[in-house]
Amino acid sequence: MARRRIYMQLSDGQNEEMSSGHIPLDRERILGTALGVLNDVGLKDLSMKKIADKLQVKTASLYYHVKDKEELMQLLSDRICRGMVWPESSLAWEEQIFQWAEQFRRVLLSHRDAVELFTQTIARGVDRLTQIEKLYELLVLAGFSDSHIPWTASLFKNYVLGFVADNVRIMAIASGQFTSSDDMSEQYEQFYRQLPEEKFPNTIRLAPYTTRPDWEKEFQFGLRVLIDGLADKRKQE
């Protein structure tokens, strides 16, 4: 008996022929599945075999579309950047930086081990390079000198990456060793309060703040300090 054919209507009006029960393997499908596997097992355990098993194909089939894990990581970082929405160009450059940083932070928190993914790869894909280009353009329009623009962009990027890494680290400790974030905060505050006051007076006094971080306010505070400080460096060589 001949197998029934299914035709998918594409946006350009053409039909894509697919055999029943089979979805053609392509790079986009591989990357979508890889993101799911990344969120399940983490970057360390991410492998072409696990992705192939999820897709129910042979591992060798993936190498026609993705050369190796290194290229896969490059492509995944690019795919993650695709989810970022650039701020309105009519806003002041400072506000655009705020919104860009919030977007970057959001996408990093949306995927497991995203910080490691970005720090272990160099931007080579269109979507990731587009974000860099737009950030450079914003800093040009803000009045920064060419020699300072890459440094300034790196400062903003590294601030977001570092902040998210710390945020994720604390959340991992809370979920792995305590019943909740509040439970961790309570236990650490009690620990600090038992320290010798003559040696750690400030650590004890500041314990309510250090053990119960307000991630939103802290992120905005640090970003504002960075923006204000760098604003004075515009057009300075």
Protein backbone atom coordinates (compact mmCIF):
# COMPACT_ATOMS: atom_id res chain seq x y z
CA MET A 1 0.00 0.00 0.00
CA ALA A 2 1.34 3.42 -0.92
CA ARG A 3 2.00 5.72 2.01
CA ARG A 4 -0.22 8.73 2.29
CA ARG A 5 1.56 12.03 1.74
CA ILE A 6 1.11 15.09 3.94
CA TYR A 7 1.69 18.55 2.50
CA MET A 8 2.54 21.49 4.75
CA GLN A 9 1.59 24.95 3.50
CA LEU A 10 4.56 27.28 3.78
CA SER A 11 4.43 31.04 4.21
CA ASP A 12 5.58 31.62 0.65
CA GLY A 13 2.72 29.55 -0.72
CA GLN A 14 4.83 26.54 -1.67
CA ASN A 15 4.12 23.04 -0.39
CA GLU A 16 6.63 21.04 1.59
CA GLU A 17 6.17 17.32 1.09
CA MET A 18 6.66 15.11 4.12
CA SER A 19 6.06 11.42 4.51
CA SER A 20 3.57 10.51 7.20
CA GLY A 21 5.19 10.22 10.61
CA HIS A 22 8.44 11.82 9.46
CA ILE A 23 9.64 15.38 9.93
CA PRO A 24 12.68 16.32 7.83
CA LEU A 25 15.84 16.88 9.85
CA ASP A 26 17.34 20.33 9.52
CA ARG A 27 19.51 22.68 11.55
CA GLU A 28 16.59 24.60 13.07
CA ARG A 29 14.96 21.43 14.31
CA ILE A 30 18.28 20.22 15.75
CA LEU A 31 18.85 23.51 17.58
CA GLY A 32 15.33 23.59 18.99
CA THR A 33 15.79 20.08 20.35
CA ALA A 34 19.31 20.89 21.59
CA LEU A 35 17.96 23.79 23.67
CA GLY A 36 15.50 21.42 25.29
CA VAL A 37 18.25 18.91 26.05
CA LEU A 38 20.46 21.72 27.39
CA ASN A 39 17.72 22.76 29.81
CA ASP A 40 17.27 19.14 30.90
CA VAL A 41 20.87 18.00 31.43
CA GLY A 42 23.07 21.12 31.36
CA LEU A 43 25.97 22.11 29.13
CA LYS A 44 28.46 19.60 30.57
CA ASP A 45 26.27 16.62 29.69
CA LEU A 46 24.94 18.01 26.42
CA SER A 47 25.98 15.66 23.62
CA MET A 48 25.16 14.98 20.00
CA LYS A 49 24.02 11.49 21.03
CA LYS A 50 21.48 12.84 23.52
CA ILE A 51 20.14 15.23 20.89
CA ALA A 52 19.94 12.41 18.33
CA ASP A 53 18.13 10.16 20.81
CA LYS A 54 15.61 12.92 21.49
CA LEU A 55 15.06 13.33 17.76
CA GLN A 56 14.93 9.54 17.32
CA VAL A 57 17.62 9.59 14.64
CA LYS A 58 21.16 8.27 14.37
CA THR A 59 23.90 10.50 15.75
CA ALA A 60 25.65 10.49 12.37
CA SER A 61 22.61 12.22 10.86
CA LEU A 62 23.33 15.35 12.92
CA TYR A 63 26.82 15.85 11.53
CA TYR A 64 25.45 16.70 8.11
CA HIS A 65 23.95 19.85 9.69
CA VAL A 66 26.27 20.55 12.65
CA LYS A 67 30.02 19.78 12.49
CA ASP A 68 30.65 19.10 16.18
CA LYS A 69 29.74 20.18 19.70
CA GLU A 70 31.84 23.33 19.42
CA GLU A 71 29.82 24.49 16.42
CA LEU A 72 26.63 23.42 18.20
CA MET A 73 27.51 25.72 21.12
CA GLN A 74 28.16 28.60 18.73
CA LEU A 75 24.81 28.02 17.05
CA LEU A 76 22.96 27.73 20.37
CA SER A 77 24.35 31.05 21.63
CA ASP A 78 23.20 32.61 18.37
CA ARG A 79 19.76 31.02 18.70
CA ILE A 80 19.40 32.37 22.25
CA CYS A 81 20.27 35.89 21.05
CA ARG A 82 17.40 35.66 18.58
CA GLY A 83 15.01 36.04 21.52
CA MET A 84 16.30 39.51 22.39
CA VAL A 85 14.21 42.56 21.45
CA TRP A 86 16.18 45.75 20.83
CA PRO A 87 14.96 48.94 22.58
CA GLU A 88 13.31 51.79 20.71
CA SER A 89 15.92 54.02 19.09
CA SER A 90 14.00 57.15 20.15
CA LEU A 91 14.92 56.53 23.81
CA ALA A 92 17.94 58.11 25.46
CA TRP A 93 21.07 55.98 25.14
CA GLU A 94 21.10 55.33 28.89
CA GLU A 95 17.56 53.92 28.80
CA GLN A 96 18.41 51.81 25.77
CA ILE A 97 21.34 50.31 27.68
CA PHE A 98 19.02 49.55 30.60
CA GLN A 99 16.53 47.79 28.35
CA TRP A 100 19.22 45.92 26.42
CA ALA A 101 20.78 44.71 29.67
CA GLU A 102 17.38 43.53 30.97
CA GLN A 103 16.79 41.66 27.70
CA PHE A 104 20.20 40.03 27.84
CA ARG A 105 19.68 39.07 31.46
CA ARG A 106 16.24 37.63 30.63
CA VAL A 107 17.46 35.35 27.84
CA LEU A 108 20.42 34.17 29.92
CA LEU A 109 18.09 33.21 32.77
CA SER A 110 15.76 31.47 30.31
CA HIS A 111 18.22 28.69 29.50
CA ARG A 112 20.27 26.46 31.74
CA ASP A 113 24.02 27.16 31.69
CA ALA A 114 23.54 30.01 29.21
CA VAL A 115 26.31 32.05 30.87
CA GLU A 116 28.79 29.21 30.35
CA LEU A 117 27.59 28.85 26.78
CA PHE A 118 28.34 32.51 26.07
CA THR A 119 31.66 32.64 27.92
CA GLN A 120 32.96 29.51 26.18
CA THR A 121 32.18 30.69 22.66
CA ILE A 122 33.00 33.64 20.43
CA ALA A 123 30.30 35.48 18.50
CA ARG A 124 30.20 34.20 14.92
CA GLY A 125 26.49 33.84 14.11
CA VAL A 126 24.29 36.51 12.55
CA ASP A 127 21.95 37.00 15.52
CA ARG A 128 24.68 37.34 18.12
CA LEU A 129 26.78 39.58 15.88
CA THR A 130 23.70 41.72 15.20
CA GLN A 131 23.31 42.37 18.93
CA ILE A 132 26.96 43.42 19.12
CA GLU A 133 26.62 45.66 16.08
CA LYS A 134 23.56 47.38 17.53
CA LEU A 135 25.31 47.91 20.85
CA TYR A 136 28.30 49.41 19.05
CA GLU A 137 25.99 51.67 17.04
CA LEU A 138 24.28 52.85 20.22
CA LEU A 139 27.62 53.71 21.82
CA VAL A 140 28.70 55.55 18.66
CA LEU A 141 25.55 57.67 18.78
CA ALA A 142 26.04 58.23 22.52
CA GLY A 143 29.36 59.90 21.76
CA PHE A 144 31.95 57.34 22.83
CA SER A 145 35.25 57.34 20.97
CA ASP A 146 36.00 54.42 18.68
CA SER A 147 38.87 53.17 20.82
CA HIS A 148 36.61 53.01 23.90
CA ILE A 149 33.52 51.46 22.31
CA PRO A 150 34.68 47.79 22.39
CA TRP A 151 35.85 48.22 25.99
CA THR A 152 32.59 49.87 27.02
CA ALA A 153 30.51 47.18 25.33
CA SER A 154 32.57 44.49 27.08
CA LEU A 155 32.04 46.14 30.45
CA PHE A 156 28.26 46.07 29.98
CA LYS A 157 28.32 42.50 28.65
CA ASN A 158 30.54 41.21 31.45
CA TYR A 159 28.43 42.95 34.08
CA VAL A 160 25.29 41.14 32.89
CA LEU A 161 27.07 37.79 32.51
CA GLY A 162 28.65 38.07 35.96
CA PHE A 163 25.43 39.16 37.63
CA VAL A 164 23.43 36.32 36.11
CA ALA A 165 26.15 33.79 36.96
CA ASP A 166 26.00 34.84 40.61
CA ASN A 167 22.20 34.82 40.59
CA VAL A 168 22.11 31.31 39.11
CA ARG A 169 24.77 30.06 41.53
CA ILE A 170 22.80 31.24 44.56
CA MET A 171 19.56 29.76 43.22
CA ALA A 172 21.31 26.43 42.61
CA ILE A 173 22.61 26.35 46.19
CA ALA A 174 19.15 27.20 47.53
CA SER A 175 17.42 24.47 45.52
CA GLY A 176 20.09 21.85 46.15
CA GLN A 177 20.81 22.31 49.85
CA PHE A 178 17.76 24.05 51.35
CA THR A 179 14.00 23.74 51.27
CA SER A 180 13.65 27.25 49.83
CA SER A 181 15.48 30.54 49.24
CA ASP A 182 13.93 31.93 52.42
CA ASP A 183 15.19 28.92 54.37
CA MET A 184 18.72 29.49 53.05
CA SER A 185 18.57 33.19 53.91
CA GLU A 186 17.37 32.45 57.43
CA GLN A 187 20.06 29.86 58.11
CA TYR A 188 22.88 32.00 56.75
CA GLU A 189 21.71 35.04 58.70
CA GLN A 190 21.72 32.99 61.88
CA PHE A 191 25.22 31.77 61.04
CA TYR A 192 26.51 35.32 60.54
CA ARG A 193 24.95 36.49 63.78
CA GLN A 194 26.89 33.83 65.68
CA LEU A 195 30.24 35.15 64.44
CA PRO A 196 32.51 36.98 66.92
CA GLU A 197 31.30 40.59 66.88
CA GLU A 198 34.74 42.03 67.61
CA LYS A 199 36.10 40.48 64.39
CA PHE A 200 33.08 40.72 62.06
CA PRO A 201 30.98 43.72 63.14
CA ASN A 202 30.03 44.79 59.59
CA THR A 203 29.37 41.26 58.37
CA ILE A 204 26.92 40.77 61.23
CA ARG A 205 25.27 44.16 60.82
CA LEU A 206 24.82 43.75 57.07
CA ALA A 207 23.61 40.14 57.25
CA PRO A 208 19.93 41.01 56.56
CA TYR A 209 21.02 42.57 53.24
CA THR A 210 23.61 40.03 52.16
CA THR A 211 21.45 37.01 52.92
CA ARG A 212 18.25 38.37 51.34
CA PRO A 213 19.32 39.89 48.03
CA ASP A 214 16.91 41.98 45.97
CA TRP A 215 18.10 40.89 42.53
CA GLU A 216 16.10 43.47 40.60
CA LYS A 217 17.23 46.49 42.63
CA GLU A 218 20.81 45.26 42.81
CA PHE A 219 20.97 44.73 39.04
CA GLN A 220 19.60 48.19 38.32
CA PHE A 221 21.88 49.80 40.92
CA GLY A 222 25.02 48.27 39.46
CA LEU A 223 23.98 49.11 35.91
CA ARG A 224 23.27 52.72 36.87
CA VAL A 225 26.70 53.05 38.52
CA LEU A 226 28.30 51.64 35.38
CA ILE A 227 26.37 53.94 33.04
CA ASP A 228 27.04 57.06 35.12
CA GLY A 229 30.73 56.29 35.36
CA LEU A 230 31.15 55.53 31.67
CA ALA A 231 29.16 58.60 30.60
CA ASP A 232 32.05 60.75 31.81
CA LYS A 233 34.41 58.87 29.49
CA ARG A 234 32.67 59.84 26.28
CA LYS A 235 35.01 61.39 23.70
CA GLN A 236 37.99 60.84 26.00
CA GLU A 237 40.97 59.07 24.47
